[in-house]
Amino acid sequence: MPKIVDREAKKKALARSAAIALATHGYGTVTLTHMAREAGCTTGTLGYYFDGKDDLVAAALRVTFDRLEERLDKDRDGKEGFLAIIEEILPVDELRRLECRMWVNFWAHASYLDSLRALNAELSASWTALLTESLRHSLPELDAMPKRRVQTLAATTLSLLHGLIVQSVVQPATFDLAYIREILAHYIEDLKAAHRNAA
């Protein structure tokens, strides 16, 4: 009897492997051969599930974002504080270091490749929505703020996080995890202080 393959589960598994290849080689040099080797399959298999390199790159980025969202969902129930939640985005282990490298490389190419700009806009909107929800969940003092104001704070936080991710990749000796945590802790304290002063 032929083996029944869950197409969506297979695509996600291939996309996760592609994400590792993307982080390792970078968008400009990664090939379908690299991705197939990481996934332990042939390029023909990738071609069966995806419409070329850009389609697979998009899937790799989306599955990485989905994994981040799952981690944040768990932390909302298990940790206290916004800082603990956003640590899930930071390079705290090898997996997340690879994710950070992948994002930095993607952003660099999205700055001049039209084919990646729409995907970057889509993912940025998802990041902002996720952080908006996390802010409201973790900092109850923001409940009285208008929705638009919280969204703006989320966008500001995202800009800071993206900058720290870039620095952690290009200047890891300076922007190590301890220093990034210190920066974020001060940022959150300033955020709370600003809200108290405005109340």
N, C-alpha and C. Protein backbone atom coordinates (compact mmCIF):
# COMPACT_ATOMS: atom_id res chain seq x y z
N MET A 1 0.85 -1.19 0.00
CA MET A 1 0.00 0.00 0.00
C MET A 1 0.89 1.25 0.00
N PRO A 2 0.66 2.20 -0.91
CA PRO A 2 1.52 3.39 -0.97
C PRO A 2 1.43 4.22 0.30
N LYS A 3 2.57 4.79 0.67
CA LYS A 3 2.62 5.60 1.87
C LYS A 3 1.85 6.91 1.65
N ILE A 4 1.00 7.27 2.60
CA ILE A 4 0.24 8.51 2.52
C ILE A 4 1.08 9.64 3.12
N VAL A 5 1.31 10.67 2.33
CA VAL A 5 2.13 11.79 2.78
C VAL A 5 1.23 12.99 3.06
N ASP A 6 1.39 13.56 4.24
CA ASP A 6 0.70 14.80 4.59
C ASP A 6 1.44 15.93 3.88
N ARG A 7 0.85 16.47 2.83
CA ARG A 7 1.54 17.44 1.98
C ARG A 7 1.97 18.68 2.76
N GLU A 8 1.08 19.22 3.59
CA GLU A 8 1.42 20.43 4.31
C GLU A 8 2.51 20.18 5.35
N ALA A 9 2.44 19.03 6.04
CA ALA A 9 3.48 18.70 7.01
C ALA A 9 4.83 18.52 6.32
N LYS A 10 4.81 17.90 5.15
CA LYS A 10 6.04 17.70 4.38
C LYS A 10 6.62 19.03 3.95
N LYS A 11 5.76 19.94 3.48
CA LYS A 11 6.24 21.26 3.06
C LYS A 11 6.86 22.02 4.22
N LYS A 12 6.25 21.91 5.40
CA LYS A 12 6.79 22.60 6.57
C LYS A 12 8.15 22.02 6.95
N ALA A 13 8.28 20.71 6.88
CA ALA A 13 9.56 20.07 7.21
C ALA A 13 10.65 20.50 6.23
N LEU A 14 10.31 20.55 4.96
CA LEU A 14 11.27 20.99 3.95
C LEU A 14 11.63 22.46 4.16
N ALA A 15 10.63 23.27 4.50
CA ALA A 15 10.88 24.70 4.73
C ALA A 15 11.78 24.91 5.93
N ARG A 16 11.61 24.11 6.99
CA ARG A 16 12.48 24.24 8.17
C ARG A 16 13.93 23.92 7.81
N SER A 17 14.12 22.92 7.00
CA SER A 17 15.48 22.58 6.55
C SER A 17 16.04 23.68 5.66
N ALA A 18 15.19 24.21 4.80
CA ALA A 18 15.62 25.30 3.91
C ALA A 18 16.05 26.51 4.72
N ALA A 19 15.37 26.76 5.84
CA ALA A 19 15.72 27.90 6.69
C ALA A 19 17.14 27.75 7.23
N ILE A 20 17.54 26.54 7.59
CA ILE A 20 18.90 26.31 8.08
C ILE A 20 19.90 26.57 6.97
N ALA A 21 19.60 26.09 5.76
CA ALA A 21 20.49 26.32 4.63
C ALA A 21 20.58 27.81 4.31
N LEU A 22 19.45 28.50 4.42
CA LEU A 22 19.41 29.94 4.15
C LEU A 22 20.26 30.70 5.16
N ALA A 23 20.16 30.33 6.42
CA ALA A 23 20.96 30.98 7.46
C ALA A 23 22.44 30.69 7.29
N THR A 24 22.76 29.50 6.83
CA THR A 24 24.16 29.08 6.69
C THR A 24 24.84 29.72 5.49
N HIS A 25 24.13 29.79 4.35
CA HIS A 25 24.74 30.25 3.10
C HIS A 25 24.36 31.67 2.70
N GLY A 26 23.21 32.17 3.21
CA GLY A 26 22.76 33.49 2.80
C GLY A 26 21.93 33.44 1.53
N TYR A 27 21.03 34.41 1.41
CA TYR A 27 20.10 34.39 0.27
C TYR A 27 20.83 34.44 -1.06
N GLY A 28 21.89 35.27 -1.15
CA GLY A 28 22.56 35.46 -2.42
C GLY A 28 23.27 34.23 -2.95
N THR A 29 23.71 33.34 -2.05
CA THR A 29 24.49 32.18 -2.50
C THR A 29 23.80 30.84 -2.26
N VAL A 30 22.75 30.82 -1.46
CA VAL A 30 22.10 29.54 -1.21
C VAL A 30 21.46 29.02 -2.50
N THR A 31 21.52 27.74 -2.71
CA THR A 31 20.94 27.12 -3.90
C THR A 31 19.95 26.04 -3.48
N LEU A 32 19.17 25.61 -4.44
CA LEU A 32 18.26 24.49 -4.16
C LEU A 32 19.04 23.24 -3.77
N THR A 33 20.24 23.10 -4.30
CA THR A 33 21.08 21.96 -3.93
C THR A 33 21.45 22.01 -2.45
N HIS A 34 21.82 23.21 -1.97
CA HIS A 34 22.10 23.37 -0.54
C HIS A 34 20.88 22.99 0.30
N MET A 35 19.72 23.48 -0.13
CA MET A 35 18.49 23.23 0.63
C MET A 35 18.12 21.75 0.60
N ALA A 36 18.28 21.13 -0.55
CA ALA A 36 17.96 19.70 -0.67
C ALA A 36 18.91 18.87 0.20
N ARG A 37 20.17 19.25 0.21
CA ARG A 37 21.15 18.51 1.02
C ARG A 37 20.79 18.61 2.50
N GLU A 38 20.40 19.80 2.95
CA GLU A 38 20.02 19.99 4.34
C GLU A 38 18.78 19.18 4.69
N ALA A 39 17.86 19.07 3.72
CA ALA A 39 16.61 18.34 3.95
C ALA A 39 16.76 16.83 3.74
N GLY A 40 17.88 16.42 3.17
CA GLY A 40 18.08 15.00 2.91
C GLY A 40 17.21 14.49 1.78
N CYS A 41 17.00 15.32 0.78
CA CYS A 41 16.15 14.93 -0.35
C CYS A 41 16.80 15.41 -1.64
N THR A 42 16.13 15.24 -2.75
CA THR A 42 16.63 15.69 -4.04
C THR A 42 16.04 17.05 -4.39
N THR A 43 16.68 17.74 -5.31
CA THR A 43 16.11 19.01 -5.78
C THR A 43 14.78 18.76 -6.48
N GLY A 44 14.62 17.57 -7.05
CA GLY A 44 13.34 17.23 -7.67
C GLY A 44 12.21 17.20 -6.65
N THR A 45 12.51 16.72 -5.46
CA THR A 45 11.50 16.71 -4.40
C THR A 45 11.11 18.14 -4.03
N LEU A 46 12.10 19.02 -3.92
CA LEU A 46 11.79 20.42 -3.64
C LEU A 46 10.94 21.03 -4.75
N GLY A 47 11.27 20.68 -5.99
CA GLY A 47 10.52 21.20 -7.13
C GLY A 47 9.08 20.71 -7.15
N TYR A 48 8.84 19.55 -6.57
CA TYR A 48 7.49 19.01 -6.51
C TYR A 48 6.61 19.81 -5.56
N TYR A 49 7.22 20.30 -4.49
CA TYR A 49 6.45 21.01 -3.45
C TYR A 49 6.50 22.54 -3.57
N PHE A 50 7.54 23.07 -4.24
CA PHE A 50 7.71 24.52 -4.28
C PHE A 50 8.01 24.99 -5.71
N ASP A 51 7.59 26.23 -6.00
CA ASP A 51 7.80 26.81 -7.32
C ASP A 51 9.11 27.60 -7.36
N GLY A 52 10.21 26.90 -7.14
CA GLY A 52 11.51 27.53 -7.25
C GLY A 52 12.06 28.05 -5.93
N LYS A 53 13.23 28.66 -6.02
CA LYS A 53 13.98 29.11 -4.85
C LYS A 53 13.22 30.16 -4.04
N ASP A 54 12.67 31.17 -4.71
CA ASP A 54 12.01 32.25 -3.96
C ASP A 54 10.78 31.74 -3.21
N ASP A 55 10.06 30.81 -3.80
CA ASP A 55 8.90 30.23 -3.12
C ASP A 55 9.33 29.47 -1.87
N LEU A 56 10.44 28.75 -1.99
CA LEU A 56 10.95 27.99 -0.84
C LEU A 56 11.52 28.93 0.23
N VAL A 57 12.19 29.99 -0.18
CA VAL A 57 12.70 30.98 0.78
C VAL A 57 11.54 31.60 1.56
N ALA A 58 10.48 31.96 0.84
CA ALA A 58 9.30 32.54 1.50
C ALA A 58 8.72 31.57 2.52
N ALA A 59 8.64 30.30 2.14
CA ALA A 59 8.12 29.28 3.06
C ALA A 59 9.03 29.13 4.27
N ALA A 60 10.34 29.19 4.05
CA ALA A 60 11.31 29.07 5.15
C ALA A 60 11.15 30.21 6.14
N LEU A 61 10.96 31.42 5.63
CA LEU A 61 10.79 32.58 6.50
C LEU A 61 9.46 32.49 7.27
N ARG A 62 8.42 32.07 6.58
CA ARG A 62 7.10 31.98 7.25
C ARG A 62 7.11 30.91 8.33
N VAL A 63 7.74 29.78 8.06
CA VAL A 63 7.75 28.71 9.05
C VAL A 63 8.61 29.10 10.25
N THR A 64 9.65 29.90 10.01
CA THR A 64 10.46 30.41 11.11
C THR A 64 9.65 31.38 11.96
N PHE A 65 8.88 32.25 11.31
CA PHE A 65 8.01 33.16 12.06
C PHE A 65 6.97 32.38 12.85
N ASP A 66 6.39 31.34 12.25
CA ASP A 66 5.39 30.53 12.95
C ASP A 66 6.00 29.89 14.19
N ARG A 67 7.24 29.45 14.07
CA ARG A 67 7.93 28.83 15.22
C ARG A 67 8.14 29.86 16.32
N LEU A 68 8.49 31.07 15.93
CA LEU A 68 8.63 32.16 16.90
C LEU A 68 7.30 32.44 17.59
N GLU A 69 6.23 32.49 16.82
CA GLU A 69 4.91 32.76 17.39
C GLU A 69 4.51 31.67 18.39
N GLU A 70 4.84 30.42 18.08
CA GLU A 70 4.54 29.32 19.01
C GLU A 70 5.31 29.48 20.31
N ARG A 71 6.57 29.89 20.22
CA ARG A 71 7.36 30.09 21.44
C ARG A 71 6.79 31.23 22.27
N LEU A 72 6.39 32.30 21.61
CA LEU A 72 5.81 33.43 22.34
C LEU A 72 4.51 33.04 23.02
N ASP A 73 3.69 32.25 22.34
CA ASP A 73 2.43 31.79 22.93
C ASP A 73 2.68 30.99 24.20
N LYS A 74 3.69 30.13 24.17
CA LYS A 74 4.02 29.34 25.36
C LYS A 74 4.48 30.23 26.49
N ASP A 75 5.31 31.23 26.17
CA ASP A 75 5.86 32.09 27.20
C ASP A 75 4.83 33.01 27.82
N ARG A 76 3.77 33.33 27.08
CA ARG A 76 2.72 34.15 27.67
C ARG A 76 2.09 33.44 28.87
N ASP A 77 2.09 32.11 28.81
CA ASP A 77 1.50 31.34 29.90
C ASP A 77 2.52 30.92 30.95
N GLY A 78 3.81 30.94 30.59
CA GLY A 78 4.79 30.36 31.49
C GLY A 78 5.79 31.31 32.10
N LYS A 79 5.95 32.52 31.55
CA LYS A 79 6.93 33.47 32.08
C LYS A 79 6.26 34.77 32.42
N GLU A 80 6.90 35.52 33.27
CA GLU A 80 6.38 36.84 33.65
C GLU A 80 7.20 37.91 32.95
N GLY A 81 6.52 38.88 32.42
CA GLY A 81 7.20 40.05 31.91
C GLY A 81 7.47 40.05 30.43
N PHE A 82 7.42 41.24 29.87
CA PHE A 82 7.64 41.41 28.44
C PHE A 82 9.06 41.04 28.05
N LEU A 83 10.04 41.36 28.90
CA LEU A 83 11.42 41.04 28.59
C LEU A 83 11.61 39.54 28.40
N ALA A 84 10.98 38.74 29.26
CA ALA A 84 11.08 37.28 29.14
C ALA A 84 10.47 36.80 27.83
N ILE A 85 9.39 37.46 27.42
CA ILE A 85 8.73 37.05 26.17
C ILE A 85 9.59 37.38 24.96
N ILE A 86 10.09 38.62 24.90
CA ILE A 86 10.84 38.99 23.69
C ILE A 86 12.21 38.32 23.63
N GLU A 87 12.65 37.72 24.74
CA GLU A 87 13.90 36.95 24.67
C GLU A 87 13.79 35.80 23.68
N GLU A 88 12.56 35.38 23.39
CA GLU A 88 12.38 34.30 22.43
C GLU A 88 12.84 34.70 21.03
N ILE A 89 12.97 36.00 20.79
CA ILE A 89 13.43 36.49 19.49
C ILE A 89 14.95 36.59 19.45
N LEU A 90 15.58 36.64 20.62
CA LEU A 90 17.01 36.93 20.71
C LEU A 90 17.87 35.67 20.51
N PRO A 91 19.15 35.87 20.17
CA PRO A 91 20.05 34.73 19.90
C PRO A 91 20.52 34.03 21.17
N VAL A 92 19.58 33.40 21.89
CA VAL A 92 19.93 32.79 23.18
C VAL A 92 20.47 31.37 23.03
N ASP A 93 20.33 30.76 21.85
CA ASP A 93 20.87 29.43 21.62
C ASP A 93 21.20 29.29 20.14
N GLU A 94 21.71 28.13 19.75
CA GLU A 94 22.18 27.96 18.38
C GLU A 94 21.05 28.11 17.36
N LEU A 95 19.88 27.57 17.68
CA LEU A 95 18.74 27.69 16.76
C LEU A 95 18.40 29.15 16.52
N ARG A 96 18.30 29.91 17.60
CA ARG A 96 17.90 31.31 17.44
C ARG A 96 19.02 32.17 16.87
N ARG A 97 20.27 31.77 17.07
CA ARG A 97 21.37 32.47 16.39
C ARG A 97 21.25 32.27 14.88
N LEU A 98 20.92 31.06 14.47
CA LEU A 98 20.71 30.81 13.04
C LEU A 98 19.54 31.62 12.51
N GLU A 99 18.46 31.68 13.29
CA GLU A 99 17.29 32.47 12.88
C GLU A 99 17.67 33.93 12.70
N CYS A 100 18.45 34.47 13.63
CA CYS A 100 18.85 35.88 13.53
C CYS A 100 19.70 36.12 12.28
N ARG A 101 20.61 35.21 12.00
CA ARG A 101 21.43 35.35 10.79
C ARG A 101 20.55 35.32 9.55
N MET A 102 19.55 34.45 9.56
CA MET A 102 18.66 34.34 8.41
C MET A 102 17.89 35.64 8.19
N TRP A 103 17.34 36.21 9.30
CA TRP A 103 16.58 37.46 9.18
C TRP A 103 17.45 38.58 8.67
N VAL A 104 18.67 38.73 9.20
CA VAL A 104 19.55 39.81 8.79
C VAL A 104 19.87 39.70 7.31
N ASN A 105 20.17 38.50 6.87
CA ASN A 105 20.49 38.30 5.46
C ASN A 105 19.28 38.61 4.57
N PHE A 106 18.12 38.19 5.02
CA PHE A 106 16.89 38.46 4.26
C PHE A 106 16.62 39.96 4.16
N TRP A 107 16.73 40.68 5.28
CA TRP A 107 16.48 42.13 5.27
C TRP A 107 17.44 42.84 4.32
N ALA A 108 18.70 42.40 4.31
CA ALA A 108 19.68 43.05 3.43
C ALA A 108 19.27 42.92 1.97
N HIS A 109 18.80 41.76 1.58
CA HIS A 109 18.40 41.55 0.19
C HIS A 109 17.05 42.18 -0.12
N ALA A 110 16.17 42.22 0.87
CA ALA A 110 14.85 42.84 0.66
C ALA A 110 14.97 44.34 0.44
N SER A 111 16.11 44.92 0.82
CA SER A 111 16.29 46.37 0.66
C SER A 111 16.46 46.76 -0.80
N TYR A 112 16.83 45.79 -1.65
CA TYR A 112 17.01 46.15 -3.06
C TYR A 112 16.40 45.17 -4.05
N LEU A 113 15.79 44.09 -3.57
CA LEU A 113 15.15 43.14 -4.48
C LEU A 113 13.63 43.27 -4.38
N ASP A 114 13.01 43.69 -5.48
CA ASP A 114 11.56 43.88 -5.48
C ASP A 114 10.83 42.60 -5.11
N SER A 115 11.39 41.46 -5.50
CA SER A 115 10.71 40.18 -5.27
C SER A 115 10.58 39.86 -3.78
N LEU A 116 11.41 40.48 -2.95
CA LEU A 116 11.39 40.20 -1.52
C LEU A 116 10.70 41.30 -0.69
N ARG A 117 10.47 42.45 -1.29
CA ARG A 117 9.91 43.57 -0.53
C ARG A 117 8.50 43.28 -0.04
N ALA A 118 7.67 42.70 -0.90
CA ALA A 118 6.29 42.41 -0.49
C ALA A 118 6.28 41.40 0.65
N LEU A 119 7.15 40.39 0.57
CA LEU A 119 7.24 39.41 1.65
C LEU A 119 7.72 40.07 2.93
N ASN A 120 8.68 40.98 2.82
CA ASN A 120 9.17 41.68 4.00
C ASN A 120 8.06 42.52 4.65
N ALA A 121 7.25 43.18 3.82
CA ALA A 121 6.14 43.97 4.35
C ALA A 121 5.13 43.08 5.07
N GLU A 122 4.85 41.93 4.50
CA GLU A 122 3.91 40.98 5.11
C GLU A 122 4.43 40.49 6.46
N LEU A 123 5.71 40.13 6.51
CA LEU A 123 6.29 39.61 7.74
C LEU A 123 6.43 40.71 8.80
N SER A 124 6.74 41.93 8.37
CA SER A 124 6.85 43.04 9.31
C SER A 124 5.50 43.32 9.97
N ALA A 125 4.43 43.25 9.18
CA ALA A 125 3.09 43.45 9.74
C ALA A 125 2.78 42.35 10.76
N SER A 126 3.20 41.13 10.47
CA SER A 126 2.97 40.02 11.40
C SER A 126 3.77 40.20 12.68
N TRP A 127 5.02 40.64 12.56
CA TRP A 127 5.85 40.91 13.74
C TRP A 127 5.19 41.98 14.61
N THR A 128 4.72 43.07 13.98
CA THR A 128 4.12 44.17 14.74
C THR A 128 2.86 43.71 15.46
N ALA A 129 2.02 42.94 14.77
CA ALA A 129 0.80 42.44 15.40
C ALA A 129 1.12 41.54 16.59
N LEU A 130 2.14 40.72 16.44
CA LEU A 130 2.55 39.81 17.51
C LEU A 130 3.06 40.59 18.72
N LEU A 131 3.86 41.60 18.47
CA LEU A 131 4.40 42.39 19.58
C LEU A 131 3.32 43.25 20.22
N THR A 132 2.37 43.73 19.44
CA THR A 132 1.25 44.49 20.01
C THR A 132 0.49 43.63 21.02
N GLU A 133 0.21 42.40 20.63
CA GLU A 133 -0.50 41.48 21.53
C GLU A 133 0.33 41.18 22.77
N SER A 134 1.63 40.98 22.58
CA SER A 134 2.51 40.68 23.71
C SER A 134 2.62 41.86 24.67
N LEU A 135 2.67 43.07 24.11
CA LEU A 135 2.71 44.26 24.96
C LEU A 135 1.47 44.35 25.84
N ARG A 136 0.31 44.19 25.22
CA ARG A 136 -0.95 44.28 25.97
C ARG A 136 -1.05 43.18 27.03
N HIS A 137 -0.55 42.00 26.70
CA HIS A 137 -0.64 40.88 27.62
C HIS A 137 0.32 41.06 28.80
N SER A 138 1.52 41.58 28.53
CA SER A 138 2.57 41.57 29.55
C SER A 138 2.68 42.86 30.34
N LEU A 139 2.17 43.96 29.78
CA LEU A 139 2.24 45.24 30.48
C LEU A 139 0.84 45.79 30.65
N PRO A 140 0.13 45.34 31.69
CA PRO A 140 -1.27 45.75 31.90
C PRO A 140 -1.45 47.25 32.02
N GLU A 141 -0.36 47.95 32.42
CA GLU A 141 -0.48 49.39 32.56
C GLU A 141 -0.75 50.09 31.23
N LEU A 142 -0.55 49.36 30.12
CA LEU A 142 -0.80 49.95 28.81
C LEU A 142 -2.26 49.80 28.37
N ASP A 143 -3.06 49.10 29.16
CA ASP A 143 -4.46 48.85 28.77
C ASP A 143 -5.24 50.13 28.54
N ALA A 144 -4.89 51.16 29.28
CA ALA A 144 -5.63 52.42 29.15
C ALA A 144 -5.23 53.20 27.90
N MET A 145 -4.16 52.79 27.26
CA MET A 145 -3.71 53.50 26.06
C MET A 145 -4.60 53.19 24.87
N PRO A 146 -4.77 54.15 23.96
CA PRO A 146 -5.49 53.87 22.71
C PRO A 146 -4.78 52.78 21.92
N LYS A 147 -5.55 52.02 21.17
CA LYS A 147 -4.99 50.92 20.39
C LYS A 147 -3.89 51.39 19.47
N ARG A 148 -4.09 52.54 18.81
CA ARG A 148 -3.10 53.07 17.88
C ARG A 148 -1.78 53.36 18.59
N ARG A 149 -1.85 53.86 19.81
CA ARG A 149 -0.64 54.16 20.58
C ARG A 149 0.13 52.90 20.90
N VAL A 150 -0.58 51.84 21.28
CA VAL A 150 0.10 50.57 21.58
C VAL A 150 0.73 50.00 20.31
N GLN A 151 0.04 50.12 19.18
CA GLN A 151 0.61 49.66 17.92
C GLN A 151 1.89 50.42 17.58
N THR A 152 1.88 51.73 17.87
CA THR A 152 3.08 52.53 17.62
C THR A 152 4.22 52.09 18.53
N LEU A 153 3.91 51.80 19.79
CA LEU A 153 4.93 51.29 20.71
C LEU A 153 5.47 49.94 20.23
N ALA A 154 4.59 49.11 19.71
CA ALA A 154 5.03 47.82 19.19
C ALA A 154 5.97 48.01 18.00
N ALA A 155 5.64 48.95 17.12
CA ALA A 155 6.50 49.23 15.97
C ALA A 155 7.86 49.77 16.42
N THR A 156 7.85 50.62 17.45
CA THR A 156 9.10 51.15 18.00
C THR A 156 9.93 50.02 18.60
N THR A 157 9.27 49.15 19.36
CA THR A 157 9.96 48.00 19.97
C THR A 157 10.53 47.09 18.90
N LEU A 158 9.76 46.88 17.84
CA LEU A 158 10.23 46.02 16.76
C LEU A 158 11.46 46.61 16.09
N SER A 159 11.46 47.93 15.88
CA SER A 159 12.63 48.58 15.28
C SER A 159 13.86 48.39 16.15
N LEU A 160 13.67 48.53 17.47
CA LEU A 160 14.78 48.30 18.40
C LEU A 160 15.26 46.85 18.33
N LEU A 161 14.33 45.93 18.35
CA LEU A 161 14.70 44.51 18.30
C LEU A 161 15.44 44.16 17.01
N HIS A 162 14.94 44.68 15.89
CA HIS A 162 15.61 44.40 14.61
C HIS A 162 17.04 44.94 14.63
N GLY A 163 17.20 46.15 15.19
CA GLY A 163 18.54 46.70 15.29
C GLY A 163 19.46 45.85 16.16
N LEU A 164 18.93 45.37 17.27
CA LEU A 164 19.73 44.52 18.16
C LEU A 164 20.06 43.18 17.51
N ILE A 165 19.12 42.65 16.74
CA ILE A 165 19.38 41.40 16.03
C ILE A 165 20.51 41.60 15.02
N VAL A 166 20.45 42.70 14.28
CA VAL A 166 21.51 42.99 13.31
C VAL A 166 22.86 43.10 14.02
N GLN A 167 22.89 43.87 15.12
CA GLN A 167 24.15 44.06 15.84
C GLN A 167 24.66 42.75 16.43
N SER A 168 23.74 41.88 16.88
CA SER A 168 24.17 40.60 17.45
C SER A 168 24.84 39.71 16.40
N VAL A 169 24.47 39.92 15.15
CA VAL A 169 25.05 39.14 14.05
C VAL A 169 26.37 39.75 13.58
N VAL A 170 26.43 41.07 13.42
CA VAL A 170 27.62 41.70 12.86
C VAL A 170 28.65 42.09 13.92
N GLN A 171 28.20 42.29 15.18
CA GLN A 171 29.12 42.62 16.27
C GLN A 171 28.83 41.75 17.49
N PRO A 172 28.94 40.44 17.36
CA PRO A 172 28.56 39.55 18.46
C PRO A 172 29.40 39.73 19.72
N ALA A 173 30.64 40.15 19.59
CA ALA A 173 31.48 40.32 20.78
C ALA A 173 31.00 41.49 21.63
N THR A 174 30.51 42.55 20.99
CA THR A 174 30.00 43.72 21.72
C THR A 174 28.55 43.52 22.14
N PHE A 175 27.72 43.13 21.17
CA PHE A 175 26.29 42.96 21.44
C PHE A 175 26.01 41.50 21.79
N ASP A 176 26.58 41.09 22.93
CA ASP A 176 26.30 39.74 23.40
C ASP A 176 24.95 39.74 24.13
N LEU A 177 24.53 38.57 24.56
CA LEU A 177 23.19 38.43 25.13
C LEU A 177 23.03 39.28 26.39
N ALA A 178 24.07 39.34 27.22
CA ALA A 178 23.97 40.12 28.46
C ALA A 178 23.75 41.60 28.15
N TYR A 179 24.49 42.13 27.18
CA TYR A 179 24.36 43.54 26.83
C TYR A 179 22.99 43.83 26.22
N ILE A 180 22.51 42.92 25.36
CA ILE A 180 21.19 43.10 24.74
C ILE A 180 20.10 43.09 25.82
N ARG A 181 20.21 42.19 26.78
CA ARG A 181 19.25 42.14 27.88
C ARG A 181 19.26 43.45 28.67
N GLU A 182 20.46 43.99 28.89
CA GLU A 182 20.57 45.24 29.63
C GLU A 182 19.87 46.38 28.87
N ILE A 183 20.11 46.47 27.58
CA ILE A 183 19.47 47.50 26.75
C ILE A 183 17.96 47.38 26.82
N LEU A 184 17.46 46.17 26.67
CA LEU A 184 16.01 45.96 26.66
C LEU A 184 15.40 46.23 28.03
N ALA A 185 16.09 45.87 29.08
CA ALA A 185 15.57 46.13 30.43
C ALA A 185 15.42 47.63 30.66
N HIS A 186 16.42 48.40 30.23
CA HIS A 186 16.33 49.86 30.36
C HIS A 186 15.20 50.41 29.50
N TYR A 187 15.05 49.86 28.32
CA TYR A 187 13.98 50.32 27.42
C TYR A 187 12.60 50.10 28.05
N ILE A 188 12.40 48.94 28.62
CA ILE A 188 11.10 48.62 29.22
C ILE A 188 10.84 49.50 30.44
N GLU A 189 11.88 49.73 31.25
CA GLU A 189 11.71 50.64 32.40
C GLU A 189 11.36 52.05 31.95
N ASP A 190 12.01 52.51 30.87
CA ASP A 190 11.71 53.84 30.34
C ASP A 190 10.28 53.88 29.81
N LEU A 191 9.84 52.77 29.21
CA LEU A 191 8.47 52.69 28.68
C LEU A 191 7.46 52.81 29.81
N LYS A 192 7.71 52.10 30.91
CA LYS A 192 6.79 52.15 32.04
C LYS A 192 6.81 53.54 32.69
N ALA A 193 7.99 54.13 32.79
CA ALA A 193 8.11 55.45 33.39
C ALA A 193 7.38 56.49 32.56
N ALA A 194 7.49 56.39 31.26
CA ALA A 194 6.81 57.33 30.38
C ALA A 194 5.31 57.22 30.54
N HIS A 195 4.83 55.99 30.72
CA HIS A 195 3.38 55.80 30.89
C HIS A 195 2.93 56.38 32.24
N ARG A 196 3.74 56.19 33.29
CA ARG A 196 3.37 56.72 34.61
C ARG A 196 3.33 58.25 34.58
N ASN A 197 4.30 58.85 33.90
CA ASN A 197 4.36 60.30 33.83
C ASN A 197 3.23 60.89 33.02
N ALA A 198 2.74 60.11 32.03
CA ALA A 198 1.66 60.59 31.18
C ALA A 198 0.30 60.42 31.84
N ALA A 199 0.24 59.52 32.84
CA ALA A 199 -1.06 59.24 33.49
C ALA A 199 -1.52 60.38 34.37
